[in-house]
Amino acid sequence: MQTLNFQLSPTPELLDSIRDIVRTEIFSSQPPRSELPEYLTRKETAELLRISLVTLNEWSKNGSLQSLRINGRIRYKRNEVASALSEVKNLKYQKRGGLIK
């Protein structure tokens, strides 16, 4: 049996065309980045909130911070962590001002 080897030398125009097509397909198949929630690990969440993992676990148990189980691992949505942090800050200032009865 005889083997034939072909060697093609693509032109720069062909390469540019292929790159454009691939880019278009990749960007059209993925939703915009802002629509995807970013998930944080327990360690990342604790570092962001500057609390211990034990405290984070307690907050998850008592419902102060909602956790998700993804493939057997605990994750937190970044936007929910940020909103929980702002709620804590607001509560802190309300207690100082004497607004809470």
C-alpha atoms as a PDB file:
ATOM      1  CA  MET A   1       0.000   0.000   0.000  1.00  0.00           C
ATOM      2  CA  GLN A   2       1.268   3.396  -0.913  1.00  0.00           C
ATOM      3  CA  THR A   3       1.001   6.418   1.418  1.00  0.00           C
ATOM      4  CA  LEU A   4       0.404   9.851   0.044  1.00  0.00           C
ATOM      5  CA  ASN A   5       1.359  12.921   2.043  1.00  0.00           C
ATOM      6  CA  PHE A   6      -0.179  16.246   1.235  1.00  0.00           C
ATOM      7  CA  GLN A   7       1.288  19.449   2.461  1.00  0.00           C
ATOM      8  CA  LEU A   8      -0.853  22.532   2.290  1.00  0.00           C
ATOM      9  CA  SER A   9       0.451  25.959   2.988  1.00  0.00           C
ATOM     10  CA  PRO A  10      -2.486  28.102   4.049  1.00  0.00           C
ATOM     11  CA  THR A  11      -2.566  31.672   2.969  1.00  0.00           C
ATOM     12  CA  PRO A  12      -2.761  34.455   5.561  1.00  0.00           C
ATOM     13  CA  GLU A  13      -6.241  35.330   4.303  1.00  0.00           C
ATOM     14  CA  LEU A  14      -7.441  31.774   4.928  1.00  0.00           C
ATOM     15  CA  LEU A  15      -5.973  31.758   8.441  1.00  0.00           C
ATOM     16  CA  ASP A  16      -7.611  35.104   9.260  1.00  0.00           C
ATOM     17  CA  SER A  17     -10.923  33.860   7.959  1.00  0.00           C
ATOM     18  CA  ILE A  18     -10.728  30.688  10.078  1.00  0.00           C
ATOM     19  CA  ARG A  19      -9.817  32.711  13.191  1.00  0.00           C
ATOM     20  CA  ASP A  20     -12.778  35.052  12.668  1.00  0.00           C
ATOM     21  CA  ILE A  21     -15.189  32.162  12.238  1.00  0.00           C
ATOM     22  CA  VAL A  22     -13.915  30.381  15.346  1.00  0.00           C
ATOM     23  CA  ARG A  23     -14.090  33.568  17.452  1.00  0.00           C
ATOM     24  CA  THR A  24     -17.631  34.252  16.293  1.00  0.00           C
ATOM     25  CA  GLU A  25     -18.758  30.730  17.148  1.00  0.00           C
ATOM     26  CA  ILE A  26     -17.114  30.761  20.570  1.00  0.00           C
ATOM     27  CA  PHE A  27     -18.586  34.114  21.593  1.00  0.00           C
ATOM     28  CA  SER A  28     -22.040  33.302  20.259  1.00  0.00           C
ATOM     29  CA  SER A  29     -22.218  29.986  22.126  1.00  0.00           C
ATOM     30  CA  GLN A  30     -21.348  31.429  25.566  1.00  0.00           C
ATOM     31  CA  PRO A  31     -23.629  33.682  27.587  1.00  0.00           C
ATOM     32  CA  PRO A  32     -22.153  37.043  28.586  1.00  0.00           C
ATOM     33  CA  ARG A  33     -19.873  36.820  31.615  1.00  0.00           C
ATOM     34  CA  SER A  34     -22.036  39.136  33.715  1.00  0.00           C
ATOM     35  CA  GLU A  35     -24.976  36.695  33.575  1.00  0.00           C
ATOM     36  CA  LEU A  36     -22.993  33.867  35.133  1.00  0.00           C
ATOM     37  CA  PRO A  37     -22.848  33.908  38.930  1.00  0.00           C
ATOM     38  CA  GLU A  38     -19.387  33.487  40.321  1.00  0.00           C
ATOM     39  CA  TYR A  39     -19.143  30.765  42.926  1.00  0.00           C
ATOM     40  CA  LEU A  40     -16.714  30.995  45.830  1.00  0.00           C
ATOM     41  CA  THR A  41     -15.244  28.186  47.881  1.00  0.00           C
ATOM     42  CA  ARG A  42     -15.601  28.117  51.661  1.00  0.00           C
ATOM     43  CA  LYS A  43     -12.038  29.339  52.078  1.00  0.00           C
ATOM     44  CA  GLU A  44     -12.463  32.202  49.571  1.00  0.00           C
ATOM     45  CA  THR A  45     -15.731  33.244  51.226  1.00  0.00           C
ATOM     46  CA  ALA A  46     -14.220  33.197  54.716  1.00  0.00           C
ATOM     47  CA  GLU A  47     -11.249  35.260  53.527  1.00  0.00           C
ATOM     48  CA  LEU A  48     -13.540  37.753  51.790  1.00  0.00           C
ATOM     49  CA  LEU A  49     -15.653  38.173  54.925  1.00  0.00           C
ATOM     50  CA  ARG A  50     -12.573  37.972  57.193  1.00  0.00           C
ATOM     51  CA  ILE A  51     -14.113  35.289  59.360  1.00  0.00           C
ATOM     52  CA  SER A  52     -13.069  31.767  60.324  1.00  0.00           C
ATOM     53  CA  LEU A  53     -14.362  28.651  58.586  1.00  0.00           C
ATOM     54  CA  VAL A  54     -16.171  27.732  61.813  1.00  0.00           C
ATOM     55  CA  THR A  55     -18.039  31.052  61.796  1.00  0.00           C
ATOM     56  CA  LEU A  56     -18.864  30.621  58.117  1.00  0.00           C
ATOM     57  CA  ASN A  57     -20.261  27.174  58.885  1.00  0.00           C
ATOM     58  CA  GLU A  58     -22.411  28.610  61.686  1.00  0.00           C
ATOM     59  CA  TRP A  59     -23.701  31.390  59.439  1.00  0.00           C
ATOM     60  CA  SER A  60     -24.633  28.784  56.826  1.00  0.00           C
ATOM     61  CA  LYS A  61     -26.415  26.634  59.423  1.00  0.00           C
ATOM     62  CA  ASN A  62     -28.460  29.462  60.915  1.00  0.00           C
ATOM     63  CA  GLY A  63     -29.394  30.883  57.495  1.00  0.00           C
ATOM     64  CA  SER A  64     -27.406  34.113  57.655  1.00  0.00           C
ATOM     65  CA  LEU A  65     -25.614  33.086  54.477  1.00  0.00           C
ATOM     66  CA  GLN A  66     -27.003  30.678  51.911  1.00  0.00           C
ATOM     67  CA  SER A  67     -24.664  27.942  50.712  1.00  0.00           C
ATOM     68  CA  LEU A  68     -25.017  25.688  47.682  1.00  0.00           C
ATOM     69  CA  ARG A  69     -23.845  22.132  47.250  1.00  0.00           C
ATOM     70  CA  ILE A  70     -22.364  21.636  43.778  1.00  0.00           C
ATOM     71  CA  ASN A  71     -20.936  18.195  43.004  1.00  0.00           C
ATOM     72  CA  GLY A  72     -20.622  17.494  46.702  1.00  0.00           C
ATOM     73  CA  ARG A  73     -18.748  20.718  47.434  1.00  0.00           C
ATOM     74  CA  ILE A  74     -20.016  23.784  49.259  1.00  0.00           C
ATOM     75  CA  ARG A  75     -20.081  27.008  47.254  1.00  0.00           C
ATOM     76  CA  TYR A  76     -21.359  30.530  47.823  1.00  0.00           C
ATOM     77  CA  LYS A  77     -22.558  33.038  45.230  1.00  0.00           C
ATOM     78  CA  ARG A  78     -20.355  36.131  45.254  1.00  0.00           C
ATOM     79  CA  ASN A  79     -23.291  38.553  44.929  1.00  0.00           C
ATOM     80  CA  GLU A  80     -25.104  36.918  47.890  1.00  0.00           C
ATOM     81  CA  VAL A  81     -21.947  37.145  50.012  1.00  0.00           C
ATOM     82  CA  ALA A  82     -21.623  40.836  49.141  1.00  0.00           C
ATOM     83  CA  SER A  83     -25.277  41.516  49.992  1.00  0.00           C
ATOM     84  CA  ALA A  84     -24.944  39.631  53.298  1.00  0.00           C
ATOM     85  CA  LEU A  85     -21.917  41.756  54.103  1.00  0.00           C
ATOM     86  CA  SER A  86     -23.814  44.978  53.418  1.00  0.00           C
ATOM     87  CA  GLU A  87     -26.701  43.773  55.607  1.00  0.00           C
ATOM     88  CA  VAL A  88     -24.281  43.171  58.465  1.00  0.00           C
ATOM     89  CA  LYS A  89     -22.796  46.648  58.038  1.00  0.00           C
ATOM     90  CA  ASN A  90     -26.259  48.235  58.021  1.00  0.00           C
ATOM     91  CA  LEU A  91     -27.288  46.344  61.145  1.00  0.00           C
ATOM     92  CA  LYS A  92     -24.102  47.409  62.922  1.00  0.00           C
ATOM     93  CA  TYR A  93     -24.762  51.089  62.290  1.00  0.00           C
ATOM     94  CA  GLN A  94     -28.411  50.790  63.308  1.00  0.00           C
ATOM     95  CA  LYS A  95     -27.457  49.354  66.686  1.00  0.00           C
ATOM     96  CA  ARG A  96     -25.054  52.242  67.356  1.00  0.00           C
ATOM     97  CA  GLY A  97     -27.601  54.845  66.431  1.00  0.00           C
ATOM     98  CA  GLY A  98     -30.200  53.329  68.714  1.00  0.00           C
ATOM     99  CA  LEU A  99     -32.660  52.731  65.873  1.00  0.00           C
ATOM    100  CA  ILE A 100     -33.344  49.109  66.777  1.00  0.00           C
ATOM    101  CA  LYS A 101     -36.008  48.688  69.453  1.00  0.00           C
END
